[in-house]
Amino acid sequence: MMEVSAVKEKVHELYNLLIAHTKEEQATSWLDITDCLLQVYKKIDTNPSPPVFISKLVNYIYLTAVDARLHFTPQEEGLINELNHYANEAGINRQYRANAVDKSQFYDLTEYLPIRR
């Protein structure tokens, strides 16, 4: 079982790697993914079920990447796979109950939700 601090470190490392794509490619999908990574980084310590929260993040990353035809480096894929391994701790009942490609799931109602177009 991975500690939340280790997961937070992986999220931070993945954020730093992916933010480079936003500078190079200016694709809104990269920005959407990094927005969500930042939200998860901020909130994972207080989340009542971190594995489920990470599961939502990993699903969001995978679906956004497929939809936008994004390609990850082997290092980025490795970090995403490590996060997915942690998300598997949520168990068999970790199915989605919301729109998996809606980044508002990572924001509270009172928080600003950046809209990228």
C-alpha atoms as a PDB file:
ATOM      1  CA  MET A   1       0.000   0.000   0.000  1.00  0.00           C
ATOM      2  CA  MET A   2       1.389   3.346  -1.067  1.00  0.00           C
ATOM      3  CA  GLU A   3       1.300   6.265   1.351  1.00  0.00           C
ATOM      4  CA  VAL A   4      -0.657   9.382   0.436  1.00  0.00           C
ATOM      5  CA  SER A   5       2.545  11.442   0.633  1.00  0.00           C
ATOM      6  CA  ALA A   6       4.181   9.173  -1.966  1.00  0.00           C
ATOM      7  CA  VAL A   7       1.132   9.490  -4.224  1.00  0.00           C
ATOM      8  CA  LYS A   8       1.218  13.252  -3.802  1.00  0.00           C
ATOM      9  CA  GLU A   9       4.880  13.218  -4.830  1.00  0.00           C
ATOM     10  CA  LYS A  10       4.012  11.211  -7.978  1.00  0.00           C
ATOM     11  CA  VAL A  11       1.231  13.672  -8.848  1.00  0.00           C
ATOM     12  CA  HIS A  12       3.679  16.558  -8.408  1.00  0.00           C
ATOM     13  CA  GLU A  13       6.307  14.877 -10.573  1.00  0.00           C
ATOM     14  CA  LEU A  14       3.750  14.132 -13.312  1.00  0.00           C
ATOM     15  CA  TYR A  15       2.514  17.729 -13.170  1.00  0.00           C
ATOM     16  CA  ASN A  16       6.049  19.042 -13.678  1.00  0.00           C
ATOM     17  CA  LEU A  17       6.590  16.751 -16.669  1.00  0.00           C
ATOM     18  CA  LEU A  18       3.260  17.551 -18.323  1.00  0.00           C
ATOM     19  CA  ILE A  19       3.485  21.305 -17.826  1.00  0.00           C
ATOM     20  CA  ALA A  20       6.365  21.236 -20.340  1.00  0.00           C
ATOM     21  CA  HIS A  21       3.895  20.016 -22.985  1.00  0.00           C
ATOM     22  CA  THR A  22       1.694  23.057 -22.408  1.00  0.00           C
ATOM     23  CA  LYS A  23       4.618  25.339 -23.185  1.00  0.00           C
ATOM     24  CA  GLU A  24       5.521  23.424 -26.345  1.00  0.00           C
ATOM     25  CA  GLU A  25       2.172  22.495 -27.834  1.00  0.00           C
ATOM     26  CA  GLN A  26      -0.365  24.909 -26.305  1.00  0.00           C
ATOM     27  CA  ALA A  27      -3.060  22.222 -26.534  1.00  0.00           C
ATOM     28  CA  THR A  28      -5.955  22.834 -24.184  1.00  0.00           C
ATOM     29  CA  SER A  29      -6.068  19.151 -23.261  1.00  0.00           C
ATOM     30  CA  TRP A  30      -2.619  19.349 -21.667  1.00  0.00           C
ATOM     31  CA  LEU A  31      -3.799  22.376 -19.682  1.00  0.00           C
ATOM     32  CA  ASP A  32      -6.955  20.557 -18.576  1.00  0.00           C
ATOM     33  CA  ILE A  33      -4.908  17.605 -17.324  1.00  0.00           C
ATOM     34  CA  THR A  34      -2.448  19.823 -15.455  1.00  0.00           C
ATOM     35  CA  ASP A  35      -5.365  21.781 -13.922  1.00  0.00           C
ATOM     36  CA  CYS A  36      -6.759  18.517 -12.539  1.00  0.00           C
ATOM     37  CA  LEU A  37      -3.360  17.325 -11.329  1.00  0.00           C
ATOM     38  CA  LEU A  38      -2.976  20.573  -9.399  1.00  0.00           C
ATOM     39  CA  GLN A  39      -6.410  20.171  -7.796  1.00  0.00           C
ATOM     40  CA  VAL A  40      -5.668  16.589  -6.764  1.00  0.00           C
ATOM     41  CA  TYR A  41      -2.302  17.658  -5.347  1.00  0.00           C
ATOM     42  CA  LYS A  42      -4.023  20.307  -3.226  1.00  0.00           C
ATOM     43  CA  LYS A  43      -6.892  18.124  -2.009  1.00  0.00           C
ATOM     44  CA  ILE A  44      -5.579  14.581  -1.625  1.00  0.00           C
ATOM     45  CA  ASP A  45      -4.514  15.119   1.999  1.00  0.00           C
ATOM     46  CA  THR A  46      -8.068  15.965   3.063  1.00  0.00           C
ATOM     47  CA  ASN A  47      -9.915  13.582   0.761  1.00  0.00           C
ATOM     48  CA  PRO A  48     -11.748  10.823   2.672  1.00  0.00           C
ATOM     49  CA  SER A  49     -10.920   8.198   0.027  1.00  0.00           C
ATOM     50  CA  PRO A  50      -7.621   8.934  -1.754  1.00  0.00           C
ATOM     51  CA  PRO A  51      -7.603   5.738  -3.895  1.00  0.00           C
ATOM     52  CA  VAL A  52     -11.009   6.621  -5.369  1.00  0.00           C
ATOM     53  CA  PHE A  53      -9.870  10.213  -5.934  1.00  0.00           C
ATOM     54  CA  ILE A  54      -6.751   9.000  -7.765  1.00  0.00           C
ATOM     55  CA  SER A  55      -8.869   6.533  -9.736  1.00  0.00           C
ATOM     56  CA  LYS A  56     -10.962   9.433 -11.025  1.00  0.00           C
ATOM     57  CA  LEU A  57      -7.791  11.314 -11.930  1.00  0.00           C
ATOM     58  CA  VAL A  58      -6.250   8.393 -13.814  1.00  0.00           C
ATOM     59  CA  ASN A  59      -9.478   7.745 -15.720  1.00  0.00           C
ATOM     60  CA  TYR A  60      -9.697  11.437 -16.583  1.00  0.00           C
ATOM     61  CA  ILE A  61      -6.102  11.463 -17.855  1.00  0.00           C
ATOM     62  CA  TYR A  62      -6.586   8.330 -19.965  1.00  0.00           C
ATOM     63  CA  LEU A  63      -9.876   9.464 -21.508  1.00  0.00           C
ATOM     64  CA  THR A  64      -8.671  13.004 -22.195  1.00  0.00           C
ATOM     65  CA  ALA A  65      -5.483  11.664 -23.793  1.00  0.00           C
ATOM     66  CA  VAL A  66      -7.402   9.289 -26.059  1.00  0.00           C
ATOM     67  CA  ASP A  67      -9.908  11.958 -27.044  1.00  0.00           C
ATOM     68  CA  ALA A  68      -7.226  14.557 -27.841  1.00  0.00           C
ATOM     69  CA  ARG A  69      -4.728  12.025 -29.223  1.00  0.00           C
ATOM     70  CA  LEU A  70      -2.074  12.999 -26.716  1.00  0.00           C
ATOM     71  CA  HIS A  71       1.107  10.977 -26.423  1.00  0.00           C
ATOM     72  CA  PHE A  72       3.025  10.508 -23.193  1.00  0.00           C
ATOM     73  CA  THR A  73       6.729   9.853 -22.773  1.00  0.00           C
ATOM     74  CA  PRO A  74       7.727   6.528 -21.171  1.00  0.00           C
ATOM     75  CA  GLN A  75       8.489   8.366 -17.921  1.00  0.00           C
ATOM     76  CA  GLU A  76       5.036   9.998 -17.896  1.00  0.00           C
ATOM     77  CA  GLU A  77       3.364   6.674 -18.689  1.00  0.00           C
ATOM     78  CA  GLY A  78       5.269   5.072 -15.830  1.00  0.00           C
ATOM     79  CA  LEU A  79       4.006   7.670 -13.363  1.00  0.00           C
ATOM     80  CA  ILE A  80       0.432   7.302 -14.620  1.00  0.00           C
ATOM     81  CA  ASN A  81       0.724   3.520 -14.241  1.00  0.00           C
ATOM     82  CA  GLU A  82       2.020   3.915 -10.680  1.00  0.00           C
ATOM     83  CA  LEU A  83      -0.944   6.154  -9.871  1.00  0.00           C
ATOM     84  CA  ASN A  84      -3.251   3.591 -11.452  1.00  0.00           C
ATOM     85  CA  HIS A  85      -1.706   0.873  -9.289  1.00  0.00           C
ATOM     86  CA  TYR A  86      -2.535   2.959  -6.205  1.00  0.00           C
ATOM     87  CA  ALA A  87      -6.051   3.598  -7.554  1.00  0.00           C
ATOM     88  CA  ASN A  88      -6.601  -0.164  -7.742  1.00  0.00           C
ATOM     89  CA  GLU A  89      -6.628  -0.147  -3.937  1.00  0.00           C
ATOM     90  CA  ALA A  90     -10.108   1.358  -4.236  1.00  0.00           C
ATOM     91  CA  GLY A  91     -11.220  -2.165  -5.064  1.00  0.00           C
ATOM     92  CA  ILE A  92     -13.795  -3.580  -7.390  1.00  0.00           C
ATOM     93  CA  ASN A  93     -16.361  -0.893  -6.554  1.00  0.00           C
ATOM     94  CA  ARG A  94     -14.328   1.959  -7.993  1.00  0.00           C
ATOM     95  CA  GLN A  95     -16.622   2.397 -10.962  1.00  0.00           C
ATOM     96  CA  TYR A  96     -17.467   5.799 -12.256  1.00  0.00           C
ATOM     97  CA  ARG A  97     -20.664   7.460 -11.164  1.00  0.00           C
ATOM     98  CA  ALA A  98     -20.112  10.703 -13.059  1.00  0.00           C
ATOM     99  CA  ASN A  99     -18.922  11.991 -16.397  1.00  0.00           C
ATOM    100  CA  ALA A 100     -15.326  10.768 -16.532  1.00  0.00           C
ATOM    101  CA  VAL A 101     -14.134  13.564 -18.824  1.00  0.00           C
ATOM    102  CA  ASP A 102     -15.629  16.419 -16.813  1.00  0.00           C
ATOM    103  CA  LYS A 103     -12.875  18.190 -14.937  1.00  0.00           C
ATOM    104  CA  SER A 104     -15.371  19.890 -12.612  1.00  0.00           C
ATOM    105  CA  GLN A 105     -15.300  16.682 -10.527  1.00  0.00           C
ATOM    106  CA  PHE A 106     -11.984  17.908  -9.098  1.00  0.00           C
ATOM    107  CA  TYR A 107     -13.305  21.340  -8.095  1.00  0.00           C
ATOM    108  CA  ASP A 108     -15.566  22.460  -5.259  1.00  0.00           C
ATOM    109  CA  LEU A 109     -18.620  24.551  -6.045  1.00  0.00           C
ATOM    110  CA  THR A 110     -16.943  27.681  -4.684  1.00  0.00           C
ATOM    111  CA  GLU A 111     -13.708  27.277  -6.652  1.00  0.00           C
ATOM    112  CA  TYR A 112     -12.901  28.866  -9.976  1.00  0.00           C
ATOM    113  CA  LEU A 113     -13.004  26.314 -12.801  1.00  0.00           C
ATOM    114  CA  PRO A 114     -10.715  27.339 -15.683  1.00  0.00           C
ATOM    115  CA  ILE A 115     -12.395  26.781 -19.043  1.00  0.00           C
ATOM    116  CA  ARG A 116      -9.905  26.032 -21.822  1.00  0.00           C
ATOM    117  CA  ARG A 117     -10.902  26.371 -25.480  1.00  0.00           C
END
